[in-house]
Amino acid sequence: MSALRYVYGILPSTAAASVDAASLRGIDDAPVRSIADGPFAAAVSDLDETEWGPDAIDQRVRDVDALAPYAAAHQAVNAKLLDIAGVVLPLSFGTLYRDDARVRDMLREDARTKEDRLDALAGRAEWVVTVVRGDTIGPSADERLLDLDREIASSTPGRGYLLEKRRTSVADAAAERADADAARRALQALEEHSERTYREVVASGGPDVIVLRVSVLAPRERSAAIDRTIETLSQSLAANGYRVRASGPWPAYRFGSLP
């Protein structure tokens, strides 16, 4: 079997022995081992080239459902590496090299940037928090909607039709204001316990209206405070028709790639 080196992440070389001793399993249940060079080590699995070569990867990425377990395995390995080493620069899913020598070449490239990012992320983790608007916003969001509903109920059909069109405009404006307020409240609460935040660009459309998706970087010792903040936000924003989804703590996928 010709094997490729699948790289999960980069960590300090001082953690290489601990990674090897942990007997981790990754994609395709393949053992995870370290390749060290200078101050860095890469956590890798040896994968069959016929299953993970360029053509095979192109086929895999076309089926999101089939790809999901592999992406989950990638994340799970990086989460364990974070526990072992205290810091990891997670690489993108599907990062492959021909052999150990190519991995070592990668570790030598731009060494100063790798070192700076590992230093900046040591002892830290990332959370991803998303605020989603439900089908309707809470009635307290804009009392004018209630006034219009009462007026429509007592109007003639012609006037009611015109008021319905006006109500649509008022409802859209009310939702935009409520969305901005929900995003502001969530971001402000999370920033109190974080070192850095990164507000993601979100696409419009789809079944959910995402009003905020933010990556949060914080020391792992603040995990309990972050979790309490997320729970408090979930309860307070639910009264206005919003749901809060959160995941973490993760290795710094977003902040590992930011200057």
Protein backbone atom coordinates (compact mmCIF):
# COMPACT_ATOMS: atom_id res chain seq x y z
CA MET A 1 0.00 0.00 0.00
CA SER A 2 1.27 3.44 -0.94
CA ALA A 3 0.47 5.75 1.97
CA LEU A 4 -0.03 9.48 2.16
CA ARG A 5 0.52 11.54 5.30
CA TYR A 6 -2.71 13.09 6.52
CA VAL A 7 -1.85 16.02 8.83
CA TYR A 8 -4.29 17.00 11.58
CA GLY A 9 -2.35 19.82 13.21
CA ILE A 10 0.94 21.29 14.33
CA LEU A 11 2.09 21.38 17.94
CA PRO A 12 5.31 21.96 19.90
CA SER A 13 7.85 19.18 19.40
CA THR A 14 8.03 18.81 23.19
CA ALA A 15 4.58 17.15 22.97
CA ALA A 16 5.57 14.63 20.26
CA ALA A 17 6.34 11.79 22.67
CA SER A 18 3.05 12.32 24.49
CA VAL A 19 1.15 12.18 21.21
CA ASP A 20 2.85 8.91 20.29
CA ALA A 21 2.12 7.47 23.74
CA ALA A 22 -1.57 8.43 23.60
CA SER A 23 -2.39 5.77 20.96
CA LEU A 24 -4.88 8.06 19.23
CA ARG A 25 -6.96 6.86 16.31
CA GLY A 26 -8.00 9.18 13.51
CA ILE A 27 -9.53 9.00 10.06
CA ASP A 28 -10.28 5.43 8.91
CA ASP A 29 -9.33 4.40 12.46
CA ALA A 30 -5.69 4.90 11.47
CA PRO A 31 -3.12 5.39 14.27
CA VAL A 32 -2.00 8.95 14.89
CA ARG A 33 1.75 9.52 15.19
CA SER A 34 4.06 12.52 15.32
CA ILE A 35 6.65 13.77 12.85
CA ALA A 36 9.01 16.20 14.59
CA ASP A 37 11.40 18.72 13.13
CA GLY A 38 13.08 21.42 15.19
CA PRO A 39 10.60 23.14 17.53
CA PHE A 40 7.50 21.70 15.84
CA ALA A 41 5.75 18.40 15.37
CA ALA A 42 2.94 17.37 13.08
CA ALA A 43 0.29 14.86 14.13
CA VAL A 44 -0.35 12.56 11.18
CA SER A 45 -2.01 9.35 10.04
CA ASP A 46 -0.84 7.18 7.15
CA LEU A 47 -3.75 6.80 4.72
CA ASP A 48 -4.09 4.64 1.63
CA GLU A 49 -3.37 6.73 -1.47
CA THR A 50 -6.01 4.89 -3.49
CA GLU A 51 -8.61 6.07 -0.96
CA TRP A 52 -7.21 9.55 -0.25
CA GLY A 53 -5.38 10.65 -3.39
CA PRO A 54 -6.48 13.77 -5.32
CA ASP A 55 -9.08 11.95 -7.42
CA ALA A 56 -10.55 10.19 -4.38
CA ILE A 57 -10.68 13.47 -2.41
CA ASP A 58 -12.52 15.15 -5.30
CA GLN A 59 -15.13 12.40 -5.16
CA ARG A 60 -15.48 12.56 -1.38
CA VAL A 61 -16.07 16.30 -1.14
CA ARG A 62 -19.07 16.00 -3.46
CA ASP A 63 -20.98 14.00 -0.85
CA VAL A 64 -21.31 16.12 2.28
CA ASP A 65 -23.16 13.44 4.24
CA ALA A 66 -20.52 10.82 3.52
CA LEU A 67 -17.76 13.29 4.33
CA ALA A 68 -19.18 14.25 7.75
CA PRO A 69 -17.75 11.28 9.75
CA TYR A 70 -14.26 11.98 8.41
CA ALA A 71 -14.51 15.67 9.29
CA ALA A 72 -15.71 14.68 12.77
CA ALA A 73 -12.70 12.37 13.16
CA HIS A 74 -10.41 15.22 12.10
CA GLN A 75 -11.93 17.50 14.75
CA ALA A 76 -11.84 14.79 17.41
CA VAL A 77 -8.11 14.21 16.91
CA ASN A 78 -7.37 17.94 17.13
CA ALA A 79 -9.47 18.20 20.31
CA LYS A 80 -7.40 15.41 21.87
CA LEU A 81 -4.18 17.07 20.71
CA LEU A 82 -5.28 20.24 22.49
CA ASP A 83 -5.73 18.24 25.69
CA ILE A 84 -2.34 16.59 25.30
CA ALA A 85 -0.22 19.57 24.24
CA GLY A 86 -2.20 22.53 25.56
CA VAL A 87 -1.93 24.16 22.13
CA VAL A 88 -2.33 23.05 18.52
CA LEU A 89 -2.54 24.76 15.16
CA PRO A 90 -5.28 22.71 13.47
CA LEU A 91 -4.88 22.30 9.73
CA SER A 92 -7.75 22.23 7.26
CA PHE A 93 -9.54 18.97 6.65
CA GLY A 94 -7.90 17.06 3.80
CA THR A 95 -4.31 18.30 4.27
CA LEU A 96 -2.12 15.57 2.73
CA TYR A 97 1.59 15.16 1.98
CA ARG A 98 3.46 12.57 -0.03
CA ASP A 99 5.83 11.40 2.73
CA ASP A 100 7.50 12.31 6.05
CA ALA A 101 10.11 14.43 4.30
CA ARG A 102 7.42 16.66 2.76
CA VAL A 103 5.80 17.08 6.18
CA ARG A 104 9.15 18.15 7.65
CA ASP A 105 9.58 20.64 4.81
CA MET A 106 6.19 22.11 5.71
CA LEU A 107 7.19 22.40 9.37
CA ARG A 108 10.31 24.36 8.40
CA GLU A 109 8.37 26.83 6.26
CA ASP A 110 7.56 30.17 7.88
CA ALA A 111 8.77 28.88 11.23
CA ARG A 112 8.60 32.26 12.95
CA THR A 113 4.88 32.63 12.18
CA LYS A 114 4.17 29.11 13.48
CA GLU A 115 6.10 29.83 16.65
CA ASP A 116 4.32 33.15 17.23
CA ARG A 117 0.89 31.60 16.75
CA LEU A 118 1.61 28.67 19.02
CA ASP A 119 2.82 31.08 21.70
CA ALA A 120 -0.28 33.27 21.29
CA LEU A 121 -2.67 30.29 21.52
CA ALA A 122 -1.04 28.36 24.35
CA GLY A 123 -3.60 27.49 27.02
CA ARG A 124 -6.44 28.91 24.94
CA ALA A 125 -9.42 27.47 23.11
CA GLU A 126 -12.11 28.56 20.71
CA TRP A 127 -15.89 28.55 20.97
CA VAL A 128 -18.32 29.15 18.10
CA VAL A 129 -21.58 30.83 19.08
CA THR A 130 -24.53 31.32 16.71
CA VAL A 131 -27.68 33.33 17.37
CA VAL A 132 -30.66 32.33 15.21
CA ARG A 133 -34.01 34.08 14.87
CA GLY A 134 -37.06 31.88 15.14
CA ASP A 135 -40.16 32.10 12.95
CA THR A 136 -41.38 35.17 14.83
CA ILE A 137 -39.74 37.73 17.06
CA GLY A 138 -41.18 38.42 20.48
CA PRO A 139 -44.14 40.81 20.64
CA SER A 140 -42.12 43.22 22.75
CA ALA A 141 -39.82 43.82 19.82
CA ASP A 142 -42.14 46.48 18.35
CA GLU A 143 -45.50 47.53 19.80
CA ARG A 144 -46.45 49.13 16.49
CA LEU A 145 -47.10 45.66 15.11
CA LEU A 146 -49.71 45.04 17.77
CA ASP A 147 -51.33 48.41 17.04
CA LEU A 148 -51.47 47.59 13.34
CA ASP A 149 -52.94 44.15 14.04
CA ARG A 150 -55.75 45.75 16.02
CA GLU A 151 -56.34 48.34 13.31
CA ILE A 152 -56.41 45.70 10.57
CA ALA A 153 -58.91 43.62 12.51
CA SER A 154 -61.38 46.54 12.62
CA SER A 155 -60.80 47.83 9.06
CA THR A 156 -62.77 47.41 5.84
CA PRO A 157 -61.28 44.91 3.34
CA GLY A 158 -59.76 47.64 1.14
CA ARG A 159 -58.15 49.53 3.99
CA GLY A 160 -57.13 46.26 5.62
CA TYR A 161 -55.24 45.26 2.46
CA LEU A 162 -53.24 48.51 2.49
CA LEU A 163 -52.54 48.15 6.19
CA GLU A 164 -51.31 44.58 5.66
CA LYS A 165 -48.72 45.86 3.19
CA ARG A 166 -47.69 48.52 5.67
CA ARG A 167 -47.49 45.89 8.40
CA THR A 168 -45.04 43.85 6.31
CA SER A 169 -42.70 46.83 6.04
CA VAL A 170 -43.00 47.60 9.75
CA ALA A 171 -42.40 43.93 10.65
CA ASP A 172 -39.27 43.76 8.48
CA ALA A 173 -37.89 46.92 10.07
CA ALA A 174 -38.75 45.65 13.56
CA ALA A 175 -37.01 42.34 12.86
CA GLU A 176 -33.87 44.12 11.66
CA ARG A 177 -33.75 46.24 14.82
CA ALA A 178 -34.39 43.21 17.02
CA ASP A 179 -31.70 41.21 15.20
CA ALA A 180 -29.15 43.99 15.66
CA ASP A 181 -30.03 44.26 19.35
CA ALA A 182 -29.77 40.48 19.89
CA ALA A 183 -26.40 40.38 18.14
CA ARG A 184 -25.12 43.34 20.16
CA ARG A 185 -26.20 41.81 23.47
CA ALA A 186 -24.62 38.45 22.66
CA LEU A 187 -21.36 39.93 21.41
CA GLN A 188 -21.07 42.26 24.39
CA ALA A 189 -21.64 39.43 26.87
CA LEU A 190 -19.11 37.14 25.19
CA GLU A 191 -16.45 39.83 24.92
CA GLU A 192 -16.44 40.18 28.71
CA HIS A 193 -14.81 36.76 29.05
CA SER A 194 -12.81 36.50 25.81
CA GLU A 195 -9.46 37.73 24.62
CA ARG A 196 -10.51 37.98 20.99
CA THR A 197 -13.68 37.62 18.98
CA TYR A 198 -14.19 37.23 15.25
CA ARG A 199 -17.60 37.92 13.77
CA GLU A 200 -18.19 35.63 10.84
CA VAL A 201 -19.86 36.69 7.62
CA VAL A 202 -23.15 34.78 7.38
CA ALA A 203 -25.15 33.98 4.29
CA SER A 204 -28.76 35.11 4.02
CA GLY A 205 -31.58 32.79 3.08
CA GLY A 206 -32.27 29.25 4.20
CA PRO A 207 -34.66 28.04 6.89
CA ASP A 208 -32.89 29.92 9.69
CA VAL A 209 -32.12 33.62 9.96
CA ILE A 210 -28.64 33.79 11.47
CA VAL A 211 -28.18 37.14 13.15
CA LEU A 212 -24.75 36.40 14.63
CA ARG A 213 -22.02 33.82 14.29
CA VAL A 214 -18.94 34.62 16.30
CA SER A 215 -15.73 32.76 17.12
CA VAL A 216 -14.49 33.41 20.64
CA LEU A 217 -10.92 32.90 21.86
CA ALA A 218 -10.43 32.61 25.62
CA PRO A 219 -8.13 30.90 28.13
CA ARG A 220 -9.35 27.39 28.85
CA GLU A 221 -9.52 28.28 32.53
CA ARG A 222 -12.47 30.51 31.63
CA SER A 223 -14.46 27.61 30.16
CA ALA A 224 -16.99 27.63 32.99
CA ALA A 225 -17.55 31.39 32.66
CA ILE A 226 -18.02 31.08 28.89
CA ASP A 227 -20.51 28.22 29.34
CA ARG A 228 -22.48 30.21 31.94
CA THR A 229 -22.58 33.23 29.64
CA ILE A 230 -23.89 31.11 26.77
CA GLU A 231 -26.58 29.60 29.00
CA THR A 232 -27.65 33.04 30.25
CA LEU A 233 -27.83 34.33 26.68
CA SER A 234 -29.91 31.33 25.63
CA GLN A 235 -32.46 32.05 28.33
CA SER A 236 -32.62 35.82 27.88
CA LEU A 237 -32.78 35.81 24.08
CA ALA A 238 -35.33 32.99 23.97
CA ALA A 239 -37.89 35.45 25.37
CA ASN A 240 -37.52 37.45 22.16
CA GLY A 241 -37.70 34.49 19.80
CA TYR A 242 -33.99 33.70 19.38
CA ARG A 243 -32.06 30.47 19.79
CA VAL A 244 -28.40 30.27 20.78
CA ARG A 245 -26.27 27.42 19.49
CA ALA A 246 -22.71 26.92 20.71
CA SER A 247 -19.86 24.45 20.34
CA GLY A 248 -16.49 24.26 22.03
CA PRO A 249 -14.01 24.42 23.50
CA TRP A 250 -12.14 23.60 20.29
CA PRO A 251 -8.60 24.12 19.07
CA ALA A 252 -8.31 27.58 17.54
CA TYR A 253 -9.42 26.80 13.99
CA ARG A 254 -10.27 30.44 13.26
CA PHE A 255 -7.61 32.17 15.32
CA GLY A 256 -4.90 29.74 14.33
CA SER A 257 -5.10 31.17 10.82
CA LEU A 258 -5.45 34.86 11.80
CA PRO A 259 -2.47 37.19 12.26
